C-alpha cells in the first residue's frame, strides 16, 4: 500500500492505475493501442510497456483479455465504484492492525475536520450496523 498515492494508485502501481482508468473510460473492450493512446495523453509511456501493464492487470484479475479479429481487447472486470469499495475495505483492514481504537478516533477526527456531512453518514452507518447486530441476538 502506497500511502503517498491517491485513489486506486494506493494499491496499484502508477501505470497500472492509469491503464485501468483508461479501460474504465473506454466504456467497451479496448485494444492495447487504444489504452496506450489514452494513457499517453497524460503520461510518457511506450506502447509495449502499456501492453505489459495491461497483461499484468489481466493476471491480477482486474481486466480480461479476449481476441477479436486477431487483436486482443481488454476490459475491466469490475467497475471503478466496485474497485474503490474493495480497495477502501482493504486499506481499512490494514490500518486496523495499527489498533482499532486509534484508527477509529483518527477517522472521526479527520471526518470532523474535512467533511462533517460524511461524519454524520458514518454515524448513521454505525447505527445501522448496531441495530443489525442487536437483531441477530
C-alpha atoms as a PDB file:
ATOM      1  CA  UNK A   1       0.000   0.000   0.000  1.00  0.00           C
ATOM      2  CA  UNK A   2       1.423   3.371  -1.037  1.00  0.00           C
ATOM      3  CA  UNK A   3       0.015   5.987   1.336  1.00  0.00           C
ATOM      4  CA  UNK A   4       1.648   8.777  -0.658  1.00  0.00           C
ATOM      5  CA  UNK A   5      -0.526   7.940  -3.692  1.00  0.00           C
ATOM      6  CA  UNK A   6      -4.158   8.858  -4.232  1.00  0.00           C
ATOM      7  CA  UNK A   7      -7.158   6.692  -5.075  1.00  0.00           C
ATOM      8  CA  UNK A   8      -6.595   3.373  -6.836  1.00  0.00           C
ATOM      9  CA  UNK A   9      -2.900   4.158  -7.169  1.00  0.00           C
ATOM     10  CA  UNK A  10      -2.551   3.415  -3.432  1.00  0.00           C
ATOM     11  CA  UNK A  11      -2.899  -0.289  -4.211  1.00  0.00           C
ATOM     12  CA  UNK A  12      -1.664  -0.361  -7.804  1.00  0.00           C
ATOM     13  CA  UNK A  13       1.411   0.957  -9.492  1.00  0.00           C
ATOM     14  CA  UNK A  14       1.038   4.363 -11.113  1.00  0.00           C
ATOM     15  CA  UNK A  15       0.937   2.959 -14.638  1.00  0.00           C
ATOM     16  CA  UNK A  16      -1.404   0.125 -13.626  1.00  0.00           C
ATOM     17  CA  UNK A  17      -3.739   2.764 -12.224  1.00  0.00           C
ATOM     18  CA  UNK A  18      -3.548   4.814 -15.450  1.00  0.00           C
ATOM     19  CA  UNK A  19      -4.223   1.783 -17.675  1.00  0.00           C
ATOM     20  CA  UNK A  20      -7.171   0.693 -15.543  1.00  0.00           C
ATOM     21  CA  UNK A  21      -8.560   4.247 -15.628  1.00  0.00           C
ATOM     22  CA  UNK A  22      -8.216   4.195 -19.426  1.00  0.00           C
ATOM     23  CA  UNK A  23     -10.123   0.898 -19.567  1.00  0.00           C
ATOM     24  CA  UNK A  24     -12.888   2.282 -17.351  1.00  0.00           C
ATOM     25  CA  UNK A  25     -13.115   5.329 -19.584  1.00  0.00           C
ATOM     26  CA  UNK A  26     -13.359   3.269 -22.760  1.00  0.00           C
ATOM     27  CA  UNK A  27     -16.913   2.057 -21.955  1.00  0.00           C
ATOM     28  CA  UNK A  28     -16.330  -1.102 -24.028  1.00  0.00           C
ATOM     29  CA  UNK A  29     -13.461  -3.571 -24.562  1.00  0.00           C
ATOM     30  CA  UNK A  30     -10.491  -1.658 -25.940  1.00  0.00           C
ATOM     31  CA  UNK A  31      -7.392  -2.673 -27.819  1.00  0.00           C
ATOM     32  CA  UNK A  32      -3.989  -2.230 -26.243  1.00  0.00           C
ATOM     33  CA  UNK A  33      -3.390   0.537 -28.802  1.00  0.00           C
ATOM     34  CA  UNK A  34      -6.498   2.393 -27.585  1.00  0.00           C
ATOM     35  CA  UNK A  35      -5.430   2.030 -23.953  1.00  0.00           C
ATOM     36  CA  UNK A  36      -1.936   3.206 -24.852  1.00  0.00           C
ATOM     37  CA  UNK A  37      -3.258   6.271 -26.693  1.00  0.00           C
ATOM     38  CA  UNK A  38      -5.447   7.213 -23.718  1.00  0.00           C
ATOM     39  CA  UNK A  39      -2.601   6.809 -21.220  1.00  0.00           C
ATOM     40  CA  UNK A  40      -0.050   8.552 -23.477  1.00  0.00           C
ATOM     41  CA  UNK A  41      -2.166  11.734 -23.469  1.00  0.00           C
ATOM     42  CA  UNK A  42      -1.029  12.484 -19.931  1.00  0.00           C
ATOM     43  CA  UNK A  43       1.863  10.103 -19.233  1.00  0.00           C
ATOM     44  CA  UNK A  44       5.136   9.436 -21.034  1.00  0.00           C
ATOM     45  CA  UNK A  45       4.955   5.724 -21.800  1.00  0.00           C
ATOM     46  CA  UNK A  46       5.938   3.418 -24.654  1.00  0.00           C
ATOM     47  CA  UNK A  47       3.411   1.105 -26.277  1.00  0.00           C
ATOM     48  CA  UNK A  48       4.988  -2.213 -25.221  1.00  0.00           C
ATOM     49  CA  UNK A  49       5.121  -1.108 -21.580  1.00  0.00           C
ATOM     50  CA  UNK A  50       1.433  -0.294 -21.700  1.00  0.00           C
ATOM     51  CA  UNK A  51       0.712  -3.766 -23.153  1.00  0.00           C
ATOM     52  CA  UNK A  52       2.803  -5.388 -20.411  1.00  0.00           C
ATOM     53  CA  UNK A  53       0.901  -3.483 -17.729  1.00  0.00           C
ATOM     54  CA  UNK A  54      -2.471  -4.393 -19.273  1.00  0.00           C
ATOM     55  CA  UNK A  55      -1.438  -8.058 -19.228  1.00  0.00           C
ATOM     56  CA  UNK A  56      -0.337  -7.702 -15.586  1.00  0.00           C
ATOM     57  CA  UNK A  57      -3.818  -6.364 -14.759  1.00  0.00           C
ATOM     58  CA  UNK A  58      -5.278  -9.435 -16.507  1.00  0.00           C
ATOM     59  CA  UNK A  59      -3.080 -11.668 -14.315  1.00  0.00           C
ATOM     60  CA  UNK A  60      -4.326  -9.788 -11.223  1.00  0.00           C
ATOM     61  CA  UNK A  61      -7.925 -10.390 -12.285  1.00  0.00           C
ATOM     62  CA  UNK A  62      -8.698  -6.694 -12.725  1.00  0.00           C
ATOM     63  CA  UNK A  63      -9.041  -6.929 -16.509  1.00  0.00           C
ATOM     64  CA  UNK A  64      -9.933  -9.549 -19.104  1.00  0.00           C
ATOM     65  CA  UNK A  65      -8.327 -10.082 -22.475  1.00  0.00           C
ATOM     66  CA  UNK A  66     -10.157 -11.566 -25.440  1.00  0.00           C
ATOM     67  CA  UNK A  67      -9.132 -11.898 -29.060  1.00  0.00           C
ATOM     68  CA  UNK A  68     -11.414 -10.271 -31.625  1.00  0.00           C
ATOM     69  CA  UNK A  69     -10.391 -10.199 -35.294  1.00  0.00           C
ATOM     70  CA  UNK A  70      -6.813 -11.239 -34.396  1.00  0.00           C
ATOM     71  CA  UNK A  71      -6.443  -8.330 -31.942  1.00  0.00           C
ATOM     72  CA  UNK A  72      -6.639  -8.546 -28.170  1.00  0.00           C
ATOM     73  CA  UNK A  73      -9.265  -6.385 -26.493  1.00  0.00           C
ATOM     74  CA  UNK A  74      -9.077  -5.539 -22.810  1.00  0.00           C
ATOM     75  CA  UNK A  75     -11.932  -4.809 -20.426  1.00  0.00           C
ATOM     76  CA  UNK A  76     -12.098  -4.187 -16.681  1.00  0.00           C
ATOM     77  CA  UNK A  77     -13.625  -6.988 -14.626  1.00  0.00           C
ATOM     78  CA  UNK A  78     -15.083  -4.591 -12.057  1.00  0.00           C
ATOM     79  CA  UNK A  79     -16.379  -1.055 -12.145  1.00  0.00           C
ATOM     80  CA  UNK A  80     -14.459   1.841 -10.693  1.00  0.00           C
ATOM     81  CA  UNK A  81     -17.012   2.050  -7.859  1.00  0.00           C
ATOM     82  CA  UNK A  82     -16.553  -1.667  -7.064  1.00  0.00           C
ATOM     83  CA  UNK A  83     -12.776  -1.274  -7.110  1.00  0.00           C
ATOM     84  CA  UNK A  84     -12.985   1.751  -4.828  1.00  0.00           C
ATOM     85  CA  UNK A  85     -15.193  -0.153  -2.365  1.00  0.00           C
ATOM     86  CA  UNK A  86     -12.879  -3.178  -2.321  1.00  0.00           C
ATOM     87  CA  UNK A  87      -9.755  -1.040  -2.104  1.00  0.00           C
ATOM     88  CA  UNK A  88     -11.109   1.064   0.749  1.00  0.00           C
ATOM     89  CA  UNK A  89     -12.060  -2.077   2.661  1.00  0.00           C
ATOM     90  CA  UNK A  90      -8.559  -3.462   2.118  1.00  0.00           C
ATOM     91  CA  UNK A  91      -6.959  -0.213   3.291  1.00  0.00           C
ATOM     92  CA  UNK A  92      -9.126  -0.100   6.421  1.00  0.00           C
ATOM     93  CA  UNK A  93      -8.360  -3.741   7.221  1.00  0.00           C
ATOM     94  CA  UNK A  94      -4.644  -2.962   7.007  1.00  0.00           C
ATOM     95  CA  UNK A  95      -4.973   0.211   9.075  1.00  0.00           C
ATOM     96  CA  UNK A  96      -6.916  -1.537  11.837  1.00  0.00           C
ATOM     97  CA  UNK A  97      -3.829  -3.645  12.515  1.00  0.00           C
ATOM     98  CA  UNK A  98      -2.361  -0.440  13.987  1.00  0.00           C
ATOM     99  CA  UNK A  99      -5.050  -0.553  16.656  1.00  0.00           C
ATOM    100  CA  UNK A 100      -8.752  -0.225  16.016  1.00  0.00           C
ATOM    101  CA  UNK A 101      -9.357   2.364  18.768  1.00  0.00           C
ATOM    102  CA  UNK A 102      -6.680   4.703  17.417  1.00  0.00           C
ATOM    103  CA  UNK A 103      -7.848   4.255  13.832  1.00  0.00           C
ATOM    104  CA  UNK A 104     -11.489   4.841  14.775  1.00  0.00           C
ATOM    105  CA  UNK A 105     -10.645   8.006  16.692  1.00  0.00           C
ATOM    106  CA  UNK A 106      -8.464   9.260  13.854  1.00  0.00           C
ATOM    107  CA  UNK A 107     -11.178   8.593  11.283  1.00  0.00           C
ATOM    108  CA  UNK A 108     -13.712  10.525  13.339  1.00  0.00           C
ATOM    109  CA  UNK A 109     -11.269  13.409  13.825  1.00  0.00           C
ATOM    110  CA  UNK A 110     -10.379  13.614  10.128  1.00  0.00           C
ATOM    111  CA  UNK A 111     -14.014  13.475   9.017  1.00  0.00           C
ATOM    112  CA  UNK A 112     -14.956  16.131  11.583  1.00  0.00           C
ATOM    113  CA  UNK A 113     -12.275  18.414  10.163  1.00  0.00           C
ATOM    114  CA  UNK A 114     -12.735  17.702   6.460  1.00  0.00           C
ATOM    115  CA  UNK A 115     -16.281  16.528   5.861  1.00  0.00           C
ATOM    116  CA  UNK A 116     -18.841  16.866   8.664  1.00  0.00           C
ATOM    117  CA  UNK A 117     -21.587  15.548   6.365  1.00  0.00           C
ATOM    118  CA  UNK A 118     -19.612  12.341   5.869  1.00  0.00           C
ATOM    119  CA  UNK A 119     -19.114  12.121   9.627  1.00  0.00           C
ATOM    120  CA  UNK A 120     -22.904  12.219  10.021  1.00  0.00           C
ATOM    121  CA  UNK A 121     -23.193   9.487   7.372  1.00  0.00           C
ATOM    122  CA  UNK A 122     -20.658   7.408   9.286  1.00  0.00           C
ATOM    123  CA  UNK A 123     -22.753   7.807  12.444  1.00  0.00           C
ATOM    124  CA  UNK A 124     -25.810   6.640  10.516  1.00  0.00           C
ATOM    125  CA  UNK A 125     -23.961   3.602   9.141  1.00  0.00           C
ATOM    126  CA  UNK A 126     -22.668   2.719  12.599  1.00  0.00           C
ATOM    127  CA  UNK A 127     -26.224   2.875  13.959  1.00  0.00           C
ATOM    128  CA  UNK A 128     -27.487   0.604  11.158  1.00  0.00           C
ATOM    129  CA  UNK A 129     -24.779  -1.960  11.950  1.00  0.00           C
ATOM    130  CA  UNK A 130     -25.506  -1.768  15.675  1.00  0.00           C
ATOM    131  CA  UNK A 131     -29.230  -2.312  15.007  1.00  0.00           C
ATOM    132  CA  UNK A 132     -28.399  -5.281  12.740  1.00  0.00           C
ATOM    133  CA  UNK A 133     -26.232  -6.859  15.440  1.00  0.00           C
ATOM    134  CA  UNK A 134     -28.961  -6.393  18.063  1.00  0.00           C
ATOM    135  CA  UNK A 135     -31.426  -8.083  15.698  1.00  0.00           C
ATOM    136  CA  UNK A 136     -29.126 -11.115  15.325  1.00  0.00           C
ATOM    137  CA  UNK A 137     -29.063 -11.831  19.055  1.00  0.00           C
END
